[in-house]
Amino acid sequence: MAPPDSNARSLAADFGSTFLLTLTNPVTILAFVGIFAGLGVGVSGDYLGAAVLVAGVFAGSALWWFVLSAAVDRVRERVTPAVLRRVNQLAGVVIVGFGVAALWSGL
């Protein structure tokens, strides 16, 4: 019997850690608590509807991560260190711009 592929093992470990990180994110938890409360999930007693809603959220999140991972895999070779540096510089300018806008609106 051949040993398991280390790449597959690392992918499974990456998926597991990202999944747990997402589940334990306080912002995610509070957002879904607010959404579910706003929809009246805990009040109506419709447990089938609640289960379908939770399954839909899970399926949508899984699809989002699959699409995002596939897109990153497609462009991975095209992103050179120079391109990554430009992206980081652009992100820095955008973050500074939002900071300046926040400061300006506080005056």
PDB file of N, CA and C in Angstrom:
ATOM      1  N   MET A   1       0.846  -1.181   0.000  1.00  0.00           N
ATOM      2  CA  MET A   1       0.000   0.000   0.000  1.00  0.00           C
ATOM      3  C   MET A   1       0.890   1.242   0.000  1.00  0.00           C
ATOM      4  N   ALA A   2       0.605   2.170  -0.910  1.00  0.00           N
ATOM      5  CA  ALA A   2       1.419   3.376  -1.048  1.00  0.00           C
ATOM      6  C   ALA A   2       1.032   4.376   0.034  1.00  0.00           C
ATOM      7  N   PRO A   3       2.017   5.148   0.517  1.00  0.00           N
ATOM      8  CA  PRO A   3       1.696   6.165   1.518  1.00  0.00           C
ATOM      9  C   PRO A   3       0.799   7.236   0.903  1.00  0.00           C
ATOM     10  N   PRO A   4      -0.032   7.865   1.708  1.00  0.00           N
ATOM     11  CA  PRO A   4      -0.908   8.905   1.166  1.00  0.00           C
ATOM     12  C   PRO A   4      -0.092  10.056   0.605  1.00  0.00           C
ATOM     13  N   ASP A   5      -0.632  10.659  -0.412  1.00  0.00           N
ATOM     14  CA  ASP A   5       0.024  11.787  -1.062  1.00  0.00           C
ATOM     15  C   ASP A   5       0.131  12.952  -0.075  1.00  0.00           C
ATOM     16  N   SER A   6       1.332  13.473   0.110  1.00  0.00           N
ATOM     17  CA  SER A   6       1.527  14.554   1.075  1.00  0.00           C
ATOM     18  C   SER A   6       0.794  15.817   0.635  1.00  0.00           C
ATOM     19  N   ASN A   7       0.646  16.005  -0.696  1.00  0.00           N
ATOM     20  CA  ASN A   7      -0.083  17.170  -1.186  1.00  0.00           C
ATOM     21  C   ASN A   7      -1.551  17.076  -0.805  1.00  0.00           C
ATOM     22  N   ALA A   8      -2.144  15.887  -0.940  1.00  0.00           N
ATOM     23  CA  ALA A   8      -3.539  15.697  -0.554  1.00  0.00           C
ATOM     24  C   ALA A   8      -3.709  15.888   0.947  1.00  0.00           C
ATOM     25  N   ARG A   9      -2.747  15.420   1.728  1.00  0.00           N
ATOM     26  CA  ARG A   9      -2.813  15.583   3.172  1.00  0.00           C
ATOM     27  C   ARG A   9      -2.729  17.054   3.546  1.00  0.00           C
ATOM     28  N   SER A  10      -1.849  17.797   2.887  1.00  0.00           N
ATOM     29  CA  SER A  10      -1.734  19.217   3.214  1.00  0.00           C
ATOM     30  C   SER A  10      -2.981  19.978   2.767  1.00  0.00           C
ATOM     31  N   LEU A  11      -3.587  19.570   1.644  1.00  0.00           N
ATOM     32  CA  LEU A  11      -4.823  20.217   1.218  1.00  0.00           C
ATOM     33  C   LEU A  11      -5.942  19.968   2.221  1.00  0.00           C
ATOM     34  N   ALA A  12      -6.024  18.742   2.720  1.00  0.00           N
ATOM     35  CA  ALA A  12      -7.050  18.424   3.715  1.00  0.00           C
ATOM     36  C   ALA A  12      -6.799  19.207   4.999  1.00  0.00           C
ATOM     37  N   ALA A  13      -5.546  19.315   5.399  1.00  0.00           N
ATOM     38  CA  ALA A  13      -5.219  20.085   6.600  1.00  0.00           C
ATOM     39  C   ALA A  13      -5.532  21.564   6.394  1.00  0.00           C
ATOM     40  N   ASP A  14      -5.224  22.086   5.218  1.00  0.00           N
ATOM     41  CA  ASP A  14      -5.539  23.487   4.912  1.00  0.00           C
ATOM     42  C   ASP A  14      -7.046  23.721   4.937  1.00  0.00           C
ATOM     43  N   PHE A  15      -7.804  22.800   4.336  1.00  0.00           N
ATOM     44  CA  PHE A  15      -9.248  22.935   4.334  1.00  0.00           C
ATOM     45  C   PHE A  15      -9.790  22.903   5.757  1.00  0.00           C
ATOM     46  N   GLY A  16      -9.315  21.956   6.540  1.00  0.00           N
ATOM     47  CA  GLY A  16      -9.800  21.825   7.908  1.00  0.00           C
ATOM     48  C   GLY A  16      -9.509  23.046   8.751  1.00  0.00           C
ATOM     49  N   SER A  17      -8.298  23.571   8.642  1.00  0.00           N
ATOM     50  CA  SER A  17      -7.954  24.740   9.448  1.00  0.00           C
ATOM     51  C   SER A  17      -8.740  25.971   9.004  1.00  0.00           C
ATOM     52  N   THR A  18      -8.924  26.133   7.695  1.00  0.00           N
ATOM     53  CA  THR A  18      -9.700  27.268   7.198  1.00  0.00           C
ATOM     54  C   THR A  18     -11.159  27.143   7.601  1.00  0.00           C
ATOM     55  N   PHE A  19     -11.691  25.931   7.537  1.00  0.00           N
ATOM     56  CA  PHE A  19     -13.078  25.687   7.930  1.00  0.00           C
ATOM     57  C   PHE A  19     -13.283  26.026   9.406  1.00  0.00           C
ATOM     58  N   LEU A  20     -12.387  25.550  10.258  1.00  0.00           N
ATOM     59  CA  LEU A  20     -12.509  25.840  11.689  1.00  0.00           C
ATOM     60  C   LEU A  20     -12.317  27.324  11.983  1.00  0.00           C
ATOM     61  N   LEU A  21     -11.394  27.959  11.272  1.00  0.00           N
ATOM     62  CA  LEU A  21     -11.173  29.389  11.454  1.00  0.00           C
ATOM     63  C   LEU A  21     -12.422  30.174  11.072  1.00  0.00           C
ATOM     64  N   THR A  22     -13.070  29.777   9.989  1.00  0.00           N
ATOM     65  CA  THR A  22     -14.288  30.451   9.559  1.00  0.00           C
ATOM     66  C   THR A  22     -15.413  30.240  10.563  1.00  0.00           C
ATOM     67  N   LEU A  23     -15.548  29.018  11.069  1.00  0.00           N
ATOM     68  CA  LEU A  23     -16.619  28.730  12.026  1.00  0.00           C
ATOM     69  C   LEU A  23     -16.445  29.474  13.336  1.00  0.00           C
ATOM     70  N   THR A  24     -15.213  29.735  13.730  1.00  0.00           N
ATOM     71  CA  THR A  24     -14.971  30.383  15.017  1.00  0.00           C
ATOM     72  C   THR A  24     -14.769  31.890  14.900  1.00  0.00           C
ATOM     73  N   ASN A  25     -14.976  32.450  13.722  1.00  0.00           N
ATOM     74  CA  ASN A  25     -14.833  33.886  13.529  1.00  0.00           C
ATOM     75  C   ASN A  25     -16.007  34.591  14.216  1.00  0.00           C
ATOM     76  N   PRO A  26     -15.751  35.425  15.217  1.00  0.00           N
ATOM     77  CA  PRO A  26     -16.856  36.079  15.936  1.00  0.00           C
ATOM     78  C   PRO A  26     -17.751  36.922  15.037  1.00  0.00           C
ATOM     79  N   VAL A  27     -17.181  37.585  14.051  1.00  0.00           N
ATOM     80  CA  VAL A  27     -17.995  38.401  13.156  1.00  0.00           C
ATOM     81  C   VAL A  27     -18.962  37.524  12.374  1.00  0.00           C
ATOM     82  N   THR A  28     -18.491  36.380  11.911  1.00  0.00           N
ATOM     83  CA  THR A  28     -19.356  35.461  11.180  1.00  0.00           C
ATOM     84  C   THR A  28     -20.467  34.950  12.081  1.00  0.00           C
ATOM     85  N   ILE A  29     -20.116  34.570  13.290  1.00  0.00           N
ATOM     86  CA  ILE A  29     -21.120  34.044  14.224  1.00  0.00           C
ATOM     87  C   ILE A  29     -22.177  35.099  14.509  1.00  0.00           C
ATOM     88  N   LEU A  30     -21.764  36.310  14.835  1.00  0.00           N
ATOM     89  CA  LEU A  30     -22.729  37.363  15.152  1.00  0.00           C
ATOM     90  C   LEU A  30     -23.563  37.749  13.938  1.00  0.00           C
ATOM     91  N   ALA A  31     -22.972  37.752  12.761  1.00  0.00           N
ATOM     92  CA  ALA A  31     -23.727  38.083  11.551  1.00  0.00           C
ATOM     93  C   ALA A  31     -24.823  37.053  11.304  1.00  0.00           C
ATOM     94  N   PHE A  32     -24.489  35.782  11.426  1.00  0.00           N
ATOM     95  CA  PHE A  32     -25.499  34.756  11.189  1.00  0.00           C
ATOM     96  C   PHE A  32     -26.539  34.723  12.298  1.00  0.00           C
ATOM     97  N   VAL A  33     -26.153  35.000  13.526  1.00  0.00           N
ATOM     98  CA  VAL A  33     -27.137  35.087  14.606  1.00  0.00           C
ATOM     99  C   VAL A  33     -28.126  36.213  14.301  1.00  0.00           C
ATOM    100  N   GLY A  34     -27.612  37.349  13.854  1.00  0.00           N
ATOM    101  CA  GLY A  34     -28.486  38.467  13.502  1.00  0.00           C
ATOM    102  C   GLY A  34     -29.393  38.154  12.326  1.00  0.00           C
ATOM    103  N   ILE A  35     -28.834  37.504  11.307  1.00  0.00           N
ATOM    104  CA  ILE A  35     -29.638  37.158  10.140  1.00  0.00           C
ATOM    105  C   ILE A  35     -30.725  36.160  10.519  1.00  0.00           C
ATOM    106  N   PHE A  36     -30.341  35.132  11.251  1.00  0.00           N
ATOM    107  CA  PHE A  36     -31.317  34.116  11.645  1.00  0.00           C
ATOM    108  C   PHE A  36     -32.384  34.704  12.561  1.00  0.00           C
ATOM    109  N   ALA A  37     -31.998  35.588  13.472  1.00  0.00           N
ATOM    110  CA  ALA A  37     -32.980  36.230  14.352  1.00  0.00           C
ATOM    111  C   ALA A  37     -33.920  37.114  13.543  1.00  0.00           C
ATOM    112  N   GLY A  38     -33.364  37.832  12.577  1.00  0.00           N
ATOM    113  CA  GLY A  38     -34.192  38.687  11.731  1.00  0.00           C
ATOM    114  C   GLY A  38     -35.183  37.895  10.893  1.00  0.00           C
ATOM    115  N   LEU A  39     -34.805  36.697  10.506  1.00  0.00           N
ATOM    116  CA  LEU A  39     -35.704  35.844   9.731  1.00  0.00           C
ATOM    117  C   LEU A  39     -36.671  35.076  10.621  1.00  0.00           C
ATOM    118  N   GLY A  40     -36.492  35.162  11.928  1.00  0.00           N
ATOM    119  CA  GLY A  40     -37.380  34.482  12.857  1.00  0.00           C
ATOM    120  C   GLY A  40     -37.187  32.983  12.897  1.00  0.00           C
ATOM    121  N   VAL A  41     -35.949  32.524  12.692  1.00  0.00           N
ATOM    122  CA  VAL A  41     -35.687  31.085  12.635  1.00  0.00           C
ATOM    123  C   VAL A  41     -35.989  30.407  13.959  1.00  0.00           C
ATOM    124  N   GLY A  42     -35.623  30.986  15.074  1.00  0.00           N
ATOM    125  CA  GLY A  42     -35.815  30.335  16.360  1.00  0.00           C
ATOM    126  C   GLY A  42     -37.209  30.502  16.936  1.00  0.00           C
ATOM    127  N   VAL A  43     -38.021  31.375  16.372  1.00  0.00           N
ATOM    128  CA  VAL A  43     -39.325  31.693  16.935  1.00  0.00           C
ATOM    129  C   VAL A  43     -40.430  30.836  16.338  1.00  0.00           C
ATOM    130  N   SER A  44     -40.331  30.557  15.056  1.00  0.00           N
ATOM    131  CA  SER A  44     -41.446  29.915  14.358  1.00  0.00           C
ATOM    132  C   SER A  44     -41.604  28.440  14.703  1.00  0.00           C
ATOM    133  N   GLY A  45     -40.568  27.781  15.145  1.00  0.00           N
ATOM    134  CA  GLY A  45     -40.643  26.352  15.436  1.00  0.00           C
ATOM    135  C   GLY A  45     -40.550  25.495  14.189  1.00  0.00           C
ATOM    136  N   ASP A  46     -40.264  26.107  13.047  1.00  0.00           N
ATOM    137  CA  ASP A  46     -40.127  25.369  11.791  1.00  0.00           C
ATOM    138  C   ASP A  46     -38.684  24.879  11.668  1.00  0.00           C
ATOM    139  N   TYR A  47     -38.430  23.721  12.250  1.00  0.00           N
ATOM    140  CA  TYR A  47     -37.067  23.205  12.285  1.00  0.00           C
ATOM    141  C   TYR A  47     -36.605  22.723  10.917  1.00  0.00           C
ATOM    142  N   LEU A  48     -37.518  22.272  10.088  1.00  0.00           N
ATOM    143  CA  LEU A  48     -37.135  21.860   8.733  1.00  0.00           C
ATOM    144  C   LEU A  48     -36.680  23.071   7.932  1.00  0.00           C
ATOM    145  N   GLY A  49     -37.414  24.168   8.038  1.00  0.00           N
ATOM    146  CA  GLY A  49     -37.013  25.401   7.359  1.00  0.00           C
ATOM    147  C   GLY A  49     -35.674  25.905   7.851  1.00  0.00           C
ATOM    148  N   ALA A  50     -35.455  25.814   9.161  1.00  0.00           N
ATOM    149  CA  ALA A  50     -34.173  26.240   9.720  1.00  0.00           C
ATOM    150  C   ALA A  50     -33.043  25.359   9.221  1.00  0.00           C
ATOM    151  N   ALA A  51     -33.297  24.049   9.145  1.00  0.00           N
ATOM    152  CA  ALA A  51     -32.269  23.126   8.655  1.00  0.00           C
ATOM    153  C   ALA A  51     -31.956  23.394   7.190  1.00  0.00           C
ATOM    154  N   VAL A  52     -32.979  23.678   6.404  1.00  0.00           N
ATOM    155  CA  VAL A  52     -32.763  23.998   4.980  1.00  0.00           C
ATOM    156  C   VAL A  52     -31.970  25.298   4.849  1.00  0.00           C
ATOM    157  N   LEU A  53     -32.287  26.280   5.676  1.00  0.00           N
ATOM    158  CA  LEU A  53     -31.557  27.547   5.647  1.00  0.00           C
ATOM    159  C   LEU A  53     -30.089  27.347   5.995  1.00  0.00           C
ATOM    160  N   VAL A  54     -29.825  26.597   7.053  1.00  0.00           N
ATOM    161  CA  VAL A  54     -28.444  26.335   7.459  1.00  0.00           C
ATOM    162  C   VAL A  54     -27.714  25.537   6.378  1.00  0.00           C
ATOM    163  N   ALA A  55     -28.378  24.542   5.798  1.00  0.00           N
ATOM    164  CA  ALA A  55     -27.762  23.766   4.714  1.00  0.00           C
ATOM    165  C   ALA A  55     -27.469  24.650   3.503  1.00  0.00           C
ATOM    166  N   GLY A  56     -28.359  25.585   3.214  1.00  0.00           N
ATOM    167  CA  GLY A  56     -28.133  26.514   2.104  1.00  0.00           C
ATOM    168  C   GLY A  56     -26.956  27.437   2.353  1.00  0.00           C
ATOM    169  N   VAL A  57     -26.853  27.924   3.584  1.00  0.00           N
ATOM    170  CA  VAL A  57     -25.711  28.777   3.942  1.00  0.00           C
ATOM    171  C   VAL A  57     -24.417  27.983   3.826  1.00  0.00           C
ATOM    172  N   PHE A  58     -24.444  26.744   4.320  1.00  0.00           N
ATOM    173  CA  PHE A  58     -23.251  25.903   4.238  1.00  0.00           C
ATOM    174  C   PHE A  58     -22.875  25.629   2.786  1.00  0.00           C
ATOM    175  N   ALA A  59     -23.868  25.276   1.964  1.00  0.00           N
ATOM    176  CA  ALA A  59     -23.592  24.982   0.544  1.00  0.00           C
ATOM    177  C   ALA A  59     -23.089  26.227  -0.182  1.00  0.00           C
ATOM    178  N   GLY A  60     -23.683  27.373   0.117  1.00  0.00           N
ATOM    179  CA  GLY A  60     -23.228  28.613  -0.513  1.00  0.00           C
ATOM    180  C   GLY A  60     -21.809  28.972  -0.115  1.00  0.00           C
ATOM    181  N   SER A  61     -21.500  28.791   1.162  1.00  0.00           N
ATOM    182  CA  SER A  61     -20.136  29.073   1.630  1.00  0.00           C
ATOM    183  C   SER A  61     -19.129  28.117   1.007  1.00  0.00           C
ATOM    184  N   ALA A  62     -19.501  26.835   0.944  1.00  0.00           N
ATOM    185  CA  ALA A  62     -18.605  25.851   0.330  1.00  0.00           C
ATOM    186  C   ALA A  62     -18.388  26.170  -1.138  1.00  0.00           C
ATOM    187  N   LEU A  63     -19.445  26.554  -1.840  1.00  0.00           N
ATOM    188  CA  LEU A  63     -19.310  26.919  -3.261  1.00  0.00           C
ATOM    189  C   LEU A  63     -18.418  28.144  -3.425  1.00  0.00           C
ATOM    190  N   TRP A  64     -18.602  29.147  -2.551  1.00  0.00           N
ATOM    191  CA  TRP A  64     -17.768  30.343  -2.618  1.00  0.00           C
ATOM    192  C   TRP A  64     -16.292  29.994  -2.450  1.00  0.00           C
ATOM    193  N   TRP A  65     -15.964  29.173  -1.435  1.00  0.00           N
ATOM    194  CA  TRP A  65     -14.571  28.815  -1.210  1.00  0.00           C
ATOM    195  C   TRP A  65     -14.018  27.972  -2.350  1.00  0.00           C
ATOM    196  N   PHE A  66     -14.849  27.121  -2.938  1.00  0.00           N
ATOM    197  CA  PHE A  66     -14.403  26.321  -4.078  1.00  0.00           C
ATOM    198  C   PHE A  66     -14.077  27.222  -5.262  1.00  0.00           C
ATOM    199  N   VAL A  67     -14.967  28.154  -5.580  1.00  0.00           N
ATOM    200  CA  VAL A  67     -14.744  29.068  -6.710  1.00  0.00           C
ATOM    201  C   VAL A  67     -13.515  29.942  -6.449  1.00  0.00           C
ATOM    202  N   LEU A  68     -13.395  30.451  -5.235  1.00  0.00           N
ATOM    203  CA  LEU A  68     -12.240  31.293  -4.903  1.00  0.00           C
ATOM    204  C   LEU A  68     -10.933  30.511  -5.008  1.00  0.00           C
ATOM    205  N   SER A  69     -10.918  29.284  -4.491  1.00  0.00           N
ATOM    206  CA  SER A  69      -9.711  28.453  -4.567  1.00  0.00           C
ATOM    207  C   SER A  69      -9.371  28.102  -6.005  1.00  0.00           C
ATOM    208  N   ALA A  70     -10.382  27.787  -6.797  1.00  0.00           N
ATOM    209  CA  ALA A  70     -10.146  27.461  -8.208  1.00  0.00           C
ATOM    210  C   ALA A  70      -9.591  28.670  -8.953  1.00  0.00           C
ATOM    211  N   ALA A  71     -10.115  29.854  -8.666  1.00  0.00           N
ATOM    212  CA  ALA A  71      -9.624  31.062  -9.326  1.00  0.00           C
ATOM    213  C   ALA A  71      -8.179  31.345  -8.940  1.00  0.00           C
ATOM    214  N   VAL A  72      -7.857  31.178  -7.676  1.00  0.00           N
ATOM    215  CA  VAL A  72      -6.480  31.396  -7.232  1.00  0.00           C
ATOM    216  C   VAL A  72      -5.549  30.378  -7.887  1.00  0.00           C
ATOM    217  N   ASP A  73      -5.995  29.138  -7.995  1.00  0.00           N
ATOM    218  CA  ASP A  73      -5.182  28.109  -8.633  1.00  0.00           C
ATOM    219  C   ASP A  73      -4.913  28.442 -10.094  1.00  0.00           C
ATOM    220  N   ARG A  74      -5.904  29.017 -10.768  1.00  0.00           N
ATOM    221  CA  ARG A  74      -5.746  29.365 -12.191  1.00  0.00           C
ATOM    222  C   ARG A  74      -4.736  30.486 -12.418  1.00  0.00           C
ATOM    223  N   VAL A  75      -4.699  31.456 -11.519  1.00  0.00           N
ATOM    224  CA  VAL A  75      -3.834  32.618 -11.739  1.00  0.00           C
ATOM    225  C   VAL A  75      -2.534  32.551 -10.945  1.00  0.00           C
ATOM    226  N   ARG A  76      -2.305  31.461 -10.237  1.00  0.00           N
ATOM    227  CA  ARG A  76      -1.132  31.370  -9.366  1.00  0.00           C
ATOM    228  C   ARG A  76       0.179  31.579 -10.123  1.00  0.00           C
ATOM    229  N   GLU A  77       0.332  30.950 -11.280  1.00  0.00           N
ATOM    230  CA  GLU A  77       1.590  31.077 -12.021  1.00  0.00           C
ATOM    231  C   GLU A  77       1.780  32.454 -12.626  1.00  0.00           C
ATOM    232  N   ARG A  78       0.685  33.163 -12.841  1.00  0.00           N
ATOM    233  CA  ARG A  78       0.781  34.491 -13.460  1.00  0.00           C
ATOM    234  C   ARG A  78       1.156  35.578 -12.462  1.00  0.00           C
ATOM    235  N   VAL A  79       1.008  35.297 -11.198  1.00  0.00           N
ATOM    236  CA  VAL A  79       1.296  36.306 -10.180  1.00  0.00           C
ATOM    237  C   VAL A  79       2.769  36.206  -9.795  1.00  0.00           C
ATOM    238  N   THR A  80       3.532  37.094 -10.361  1.00  0.00           N
ATOM    239  CA  THR A  80       4.958  37.153 -10.074  1.00  0.00           C
ATOM    240  C   THR A  80       5.178  38.036  -8.841  1.00  0.00           C
ATOM    241  N   PRO A  81       6.373  38.002  -8.270  1.00  0.00           N
ATOM    242  CA  PRO A  81       6.632  38.909  -7.135  1.00  0.00           C
ATOM    243  C   PRO A  81       6.397  40.380  -7.484  1.00  0.00           C
ATOM    244  N   ALA A  82       6.680  40.770  -8.714  1.00  0.00           N
ATOM    245  CA  ALA A  82       6.449  42.168  -9.115  1.00  0.00           C
ATOM    246  C   ALA A  82       4.957  42.497  -9.123  1.00  0.00           C
ATOM    247  N   VAL A  83       4.148  41.588  -9.623  1.00  0.00           N
ATOM    248  CA  VAL A  83       2.696  41.798  -9.644  1.00  0.00           C
ATOM    249  C   VAL A  83       2.163  41.839  -8.213  1.00  0.00           C
ATOM    250  N   LEU A  84       2.644  40.934  -7.387  1.00  0.00           N
ATOM    251  CA  LEU A  84       2.203  40.903  -5.989  1.00  0.00           C
ATOM    252  C   LEU A  84       2.578  42.191  -5.266  1.00  0.00           C
ATOM    253  N   ARG A  85       3.740  42.722  -5.578  1.00  0.00           N
ATOM    254  CA  ARG A  85       4.154  43.983  -4.955  1.00  0.00           C
ATOM    255  C   ARG A  85       3.228  45.124  -5.381  1.00  0.00           C
ATOM    256  N   ARG A  86       2.843  45.154  -6.645  1.00  0.00           N
ATOM    257  CA  ARG A  86       1.923  46.190  -7.136  1.00  0.00           C
ATOM    258  C   ARG A  86       0.548  46.061  -6.469  1.00  0.00           C
ATOM    259  N   VAL A  87       0.083  44.846  -6.330  1.00  0.00           N
ATOM    260  CA  VAL A  87      -1.202  44.617  -5.664  1.00  0.00           C
ATOM    261  C   VAL A  87      -1.121  45.085  -4.219  1.00  0.00           C
ATOM    262  N   ASN A  88      -0.044  44.777  -3.536  1.00  0.00           N
ATOM    263  CA  ASN A  88       0.128  45.224  -2.151  1.00  0.00           C
ATOM    264  C   ASN A  88       0.191  46.745  -2.051  1.00  0.00           C
ATOM    265  N   GLN A  89       0.867  47.383  -2.998  1.00  0.00           N
ATOM    266  CA  GLN A  89       0.944  48.840  -2.999  1.00  0.00           C
ATOM    267  C   GLN A  89      -0.436  49.453  -3.231  1.00  0.00           C
ATOM    268  N   LEU A  90      -1.189  48.888  -4.172  1.00  0.00           N
ATOM    269  CA  LEU A  90      -2.538  49.382  -4.435  1.00  0.00           C
ATOM    270  C   LEU A  90      -3.431  49.199  -3.212  1.00  0.00           C
ATOM    271  N   ALA A  91      -3.331  48.047  -2.559  1.00  0.00           N
ATOM    272  CA  ALA A  91      -4.116  47.808  -1.348  1.00  0.00           C
ATOM    273  C   ALA A  91      -3.743  48.803  -0.263  1.00  0.00           C
ATOM    274  N   GLY A  92      -2.464  49.103  -0.131  1.00  0.00           N
ATOM    275  CA  GLY A  92      -2.021  50.088   0.853  1.00  0.00           C
ATOM    276  C   GLY A  92      -2.586  51.467   0.573  1.00  0.00           C
ATOM    277  N   VAL A  93      -2.592  51.863  -0.690  1.00  0.00           N
ATOM    278  CA  VAL A  93      -3.147  53.173  -1.057  1.00  0.00           C
ATOM    279  C   VAL A  93      -4.646  53.211  -0.745  1.00  0.00           C
ATOM    280  N   VAL A  94      -5.354  52.142  -1.048  1.00  0.00           N
ATOM    281  CA  VAL A  94      -6.793  52.091  -0.779  1.00  0.00           C
ATOM    282  C   VAL A  94      -7.054  52.168   0.729  1.00  0.00           C
ATOM    283  N   ILE A  95      -6.280  51.434   1.521  1.00  0.00           N
ATOM    284  CA  ILE A  95      -6.465  51.455   2.978  1.00  0.00           C
ATOM    285  C   ILE A  95      -6.170  52.843   3.535  1.00  0.00           C
ATOM    286  N   VAL A  96      -5.102  53.472   3.071  1.00  0.00           N
ATOM    287  CA  VAL A  96      -4.790  54.839   3.518  1.00  0.00           C
ATOM    288  C   VAL A  96      -5.907  55.789   3.099  1.00  0.00           C
ATOM    289  N   GLY A  97      -6.440  55.596   1.892  1.00  0.00           N
ATOM    290  CA  GLY A  97      -7.543  56.440   1.427  1.00  0.00           C
ATOM    291  C   GLY A  97      -8.770  56.311   2.317  1.00  0.00           C
ATOM    292  N   PHE A  98      -9.109  55.064   2.696  1.00  0.00           N
ATOM    293  CA  PHE A  98     -10.235  54.898   3.608  1.00  0.00           C
ATOM    294  C   PHE A  98      -9.957  55.513   4.970  1.00  0.00           C
ATOM    295  N   GLY A  99      -8.716  55.434   5.434  1.00  0.00           N
ATOM    296  CA  GLY A  99      -8.352  56.054   6.706  1.00  0.00           C
ATOM    297  C   GLY A  99      -8.487  57.555   6.652  1.00  0.00           C
ATOM    298  N   VAL A 100      -8.023  58.163   5.580  1.00  0.00           N
ATOM    299  CA  VAL A 100      -8.144  59.604   5.416  1.00  0.00           C
ATOM    300  C   VAL A 100      -9.619  60.006   5.333  1.00  0.00           C
ATOM    301  N   ALA A 101     -10.412  59.217   4.605  1.00  0.00           N
ATOM    302  CA  ALA A 101     -11.847  59.516   4.502  1.00  0.00           C
ATOM    303  C   ALA A 101     -12.517  59.408   5.868  1.00  0.00           C
ATOM    304  N   ALA A 102     -12.136  58.420   6.672  1.00  0.00           N
ATOM    305  CA  ALA A 102     -12.718  58.267   8.007  1.00  0.00           C
ATOM    306  C   ALA A 102     -12.337  59.431   8.903  1.00  0.00           C
ATOM    307  N   LEU A 103     -11.071  59.834   8.822  1.00  0.00           N
ATOM    308  CA  LEU A 103     -10.625  60.992   9.602  1.00  0.00           C
ATOM    309  C   LEU A 103     -11.335  62.264   9.153  1.00  0.00           C
ATOM    310  N   TRP A 104     -11.478  62.435   7.858  1.00  0.00           N
ATOM    311  CA  TRP A 104     -12.118  63.622   7.302  1.00  0.00           C
ATOM    312  C   TRP A 104     -13.584  63.712   7.740  1.00  0.00           C
ATOM    313  N   SER A 105     -14.270  62.562   7.735  1.00  0.00           N
ATOM    314  CA  SER A 105     -15.683  62.575   8.115  1.00  0.00           C
ATOM    315  C   SER A 105     -15.847  62.818   9.615  1.00  0.00           C
ATOM    316  N   GLY A 106     -14.816  62.555  10.396  1.00  0.00           N
ATOM    317  CA  GLY A 106     -14.882  62.795  11.836  1.00  0.00           C
ATOM    318  C   GLY A 106     -14.628  64.236  12.234  1.00  0.00           C
ATOM    319  N   LEU A 107     -14.174  65.030  11.292  1.00  0.00           N
ATOM    320  CA  LEU A 107     -13.890  66.442  11.613  1.00  0.00           C
ATOM    321  C   LEU A 107     -15.122  67.287  11.607  1.00  0.00           C
TER     322      LEU A 107
END
